[in-house]
C-alpha cells in the first residue's frame, strides 16, 4: 500500500500545481508584458525541477553509495525525453493561462487527459475518432456529457 501513498502525493501535488503556477505568473514583475511574466515563472519552475530532480536524487544516490556506472544509453535517452515532454507540458499550462484559461478549468482538462493518455498510447488517434463518432452517429448536442464519458 506504500504505492498508494505515493500516488496520492502525486494527486495532491498536481492538483495544486496549476493554482501555484498561475499565482506565480500573475505575481511576477513583467513591466506590463504578461509574456515576460510567463517566461519568468517558467524559469523558476525549471529551478524547482533542478532542485528536486537533479540535486535530490544526486544526494540520495550518494547516501546509498550507488555506483556511477550502469547508465545505459537507452535509459538515459528515454529519461531525457520524459523530462523534455514534462517541461513542454508545464510550459503549455503557462501558455493556457496566458491565453485566458483559469487554473481550475485548465487543470480540470489537463489532469484527466493525463489519465487518458497513460491508458493508451493511441490517445491521439482515439480522440478524433470519438469526436467524429459523436458528431456523425449520435446527437452530441442532446448529451454533451457523453463525450467526456466515452473516455472514462
Protein backbone atom coordinates (compact mmCIF):
# COMPACT_ATOMS: atom_id res chain seq x y z
CA UNK A 1 0.00 0.00 0.00
CA UNK A 2 3.02 2.32 0.03
CA UNK A 3 2.42 2.91 -3.68
CA UNK A 4 -0.99 4.37 -2.84
CA UNK A 5 0.59 6.99 -0.56
CA UNK A 6 2.94 7.99 -3.38
CA UNK A 7 0.06 8.07 -5.88
CA UNK A 8 -1.94 10.32 -3.56
CA UNK A 9 1.11 12.55 -3.11
CA UNK A 10 1.14 12.96 -6.89
CA UNK A 11 -2.58 13.75 -6.97
CA UNK A 12 -2.18 16.46 -4.34
CA UNK A 13 0.96 17.90 -5.95
CA UNK A 14 -0.50 18.04 -9.45
CA UNK A 15 -3.82 19.22 -8.08
CA UNK A 16 -2.33 22.41 -6.64
CA UNK A 17 0.27 22.83 -9.40
CA UNK A 18 -1.93 24.93 -11.66
CA UNK A 19 -3.04 27.28 -8.92
CA UNK A 20 0.51 27.81 -7.68
CA UNK A 21 1.82 28.29 -11.22
CA UNK A 22 -0.89 30.81 -12.08
CA UNK A 23 -0.26 32.71 -8.84
CA UNK A 24 3.48 32.79 -9.55
CA UNK A 25 2.90 34.01 -13.10
CA UNK A 26 0.48 36.76 -12.13
CA UNK A 27 2.70 37.86 -9.23
CA UNK A 28 5.85 38.10 -11.34
CA UNK A 29 7.06 41.57 -12.25
CA UNK A 30 6.99 41.96 -16.01
CA UNK A 31 6.88 45.66 -16.82
CA UNK A 32 3.37 45.24 -18.21
CA UNK A 33 4.17 42.34 -20.57
CA UNK A 34 2.36 39.16 -19.44
CA UNK A 35 4.50 37.00 -21.75
CA UNK A 36 7.60 38.09 -19.82
CA UNK A 37 5.87 37.10 -16.58
CA UNK A 38 5.17 33.62 -18.02
CA UNK A 39 8.80 33.17 -19.02
CA UNK A 40 9.99 34.30 -15.60
CA UNK A 41 7.61 31.90 -13.88
CA UNK A 42 8.78 29.06 -16.15
CA UNK A 43 12.39 29.88 -15.26
CA UNK A 44 11.57 29.25 -11.60
CA UNK A 45 9.71 26.06 -12.47
CA UNK A 46 12.95 24.94 -14.11
CA UNK A 47 14.90 25.91 -11.00
CA UNK A 48 12.48 23.87 -8.89
CA UNK A 49 12.92 20.90 -11.25
CA UNK A 50 16.70 21.24 -10.89
CA UNK A 51 16.46 21.20 -7.11
CA UNK A 52 14.03 18.28 -6.89
CA UNK A 53 15.05 16.24 -9.92
CA UNK A 54 18.82 16.75 -10.01
CA UNK A 55 20.14 17.64 -6.58
CA UNK A 56 17.79 15.45 -4.51
CA UNK A 57 18.43 12.22 -6.49
CA UNK A 58 22.14 13.01 -6.57
CA UNK A 59 22.18 13.28 -2.78
CA UNK A 60 20.16 10.06 -2.40
CA UNK A 61 22.47 8.17 -4.77
CA UNK A 62 25.49 9.39 -2.83
CA UNK A 63 23.93 8.46 0.53
CA UNK A 64 23.13 4.96 -0.72
CA UNK A 65 26.65 4.55 -2.13
CA UNK A 66 25.31 3.81 -5.61
CA UNK A 67 27.80 3.05 -8.35
CA UNK A 68 28.25 5.69 -11.02
CA UNK A 69 28.28 3.00 -13.68
CA UNK A 70 25.30 1.24 -15.18
CA UNK A 71 23.78 4.19 -17.00
CA UNK A 72 22.63 2.88 -20.36
CA UNK A 73 22.16 4.98 -23.48
CA UNK A 74 18.57 3.76 -23.82
CA UNK A 75 17.71 4.56 -20.21
CA UNK A 76 19.31 8.00 -20.36
CA UNK A 77 17.66 8.82 -23.70
CA UNK A 78 14.14 7.86 -22.61
CA UNK A 79 14.56 9.62 -19.28
CA UNK A 80 15.73 12.77 -21.02
CA UNK A 81 12.78 12.60 -23.44
CA UNK A 82 10.41 12.20 -20.47
CA UNK A 83 11.90 15.30 -18.85
CA UNK A 84 11.58 17.33 -22.05
CA UNK A 85 7.97 16.23 -22.57
CA UNK A 86 7.15 17.12 -18.96
CA UNK A 87 8.74 20.55 -19.31
CA UNK A 88 6.84 21.20 -22.55
CA UNK A 89 3.63 20.25 -20.72
CA UNK A 90 4.41 22.66 -17.90
CA UNK A 91 5.05 25.42 -20.42
CA UNK A 92 1.78 24.54 -22.14
CA UNK A 93 -0.07 25.10 -18.87
CA UNK A 94 1.51 28.55 -18.59
CA UNK A 95 0.55 29.35 -22.18
CA UNK A 96 -3.02 28.24 -21.47
CA UNK A 97 -3.15 30.65 -18.53
CA UNK A 98 -1.73 33.39 -20.73
CA UNK A 99 -4.47 32.75 -23.30
CA UNK A 100 -7.12 33.37 -20.64
CA UNK A 101 -7.59 29.92 -19.13
CA UNK A 102 -8.45 29.84 -15.44
CA UNK A 103 -6.40 27.46 -13.26
CA UNK A 104 -9.40 25.38 -12.23
CA UNK A 105 -10.55 24.93 -15.82
CA UNK A 106 -7.12 24.33 -17.33
CA UNK A 107 -6.14 21.77 -14.72
CA UNK A 108 -9.52 20.01 -14.89
CA UNK A 109 -8.74 19.40 -18.58
CA UNK A 110 -5.04 18.58 -18.15
CA UNK A 111 -5.30 16.09 -15.29
CA UNK A 112 -7.99 13.83 -16.79
CA UNK A 113 -6.12 14.00 -20.11
CA UNK A 114 -3.05 12.62 -18.32
CA UNK A 115 -5.18 9.69 -17.22
CA UNK A 116 -6.42 9.09 -20.75
CA UNK A 117 -3.00 9.37 -22.33
CA UNK A 118 -1.47 6.89 -19.92
CA UNK A 119 -4.31 4.43 -20.50
CA UNK A 120 -3.43 4.17 -24.16
CA UNK A 121 -0.56 5.29 -26.31
CA UNK A 122 -3.16 5.72 -29.04
CA UNK A 123 -4.88 8.62 -27.26
CA UNK A 124 -4.15 10.99 -30.12
CA UNK A 125 -5.82 8.55 -32.52
CA UNK A 126 -8.76 7.76 -30.23
CA UNK A 127 -9.81 11.35 -29.50
CA UNK A 128 -10.58 12.33 -33.12
CA UNK A 129 -12.41 9.05 -33.68
CA UNK A 130 -14.58 9.57 -30.60
CA UNK A 131 -15.39 13.16 -31.55
CA UNK A 132 -16.27 12.18 -35.12
CA UNK A 133 -18.41 9.33 -33.86
CA UNK A 134 -20.29 11.75 -31.65
CA UNK A 135 -20.97 14.17 -34.47
CA UNK A 136 -21.68 11.61 -37.17
CA UNK A 137 -23.61 8.89 -35.39
CA UNK A 138 -25.15 10.43 -32.28
CA UNK A 139 -26.70 13.68 -31.26
CA UNK A 140 -23.81 15.32 -29.42
CA UNK A 141 -25.86 18.37 -28.51
CA UNK A 142 -28.52 16.26 -26.81
CA UNK A 143 -25.98 14.81 -24.40
CA UNK A 144 -22.65 16.69 -24.36
CA UNK A 145 -21.57 14.96 -21.16
CA UNK A 146 -21.36 11.70 -23.10
CA UNK A 147 -18.25 12.88 -24.93
CA UNK A 148 -16.45 13.01 -21.58
CA UNK A 149 -17.98 9.71 -20.50
CA UNK A 150 -16.56 7.92 -23.58
CA UNK A 151 -13.02 8.49 -22.33
CA UNK A 152 -13.58 7.10 -18.85
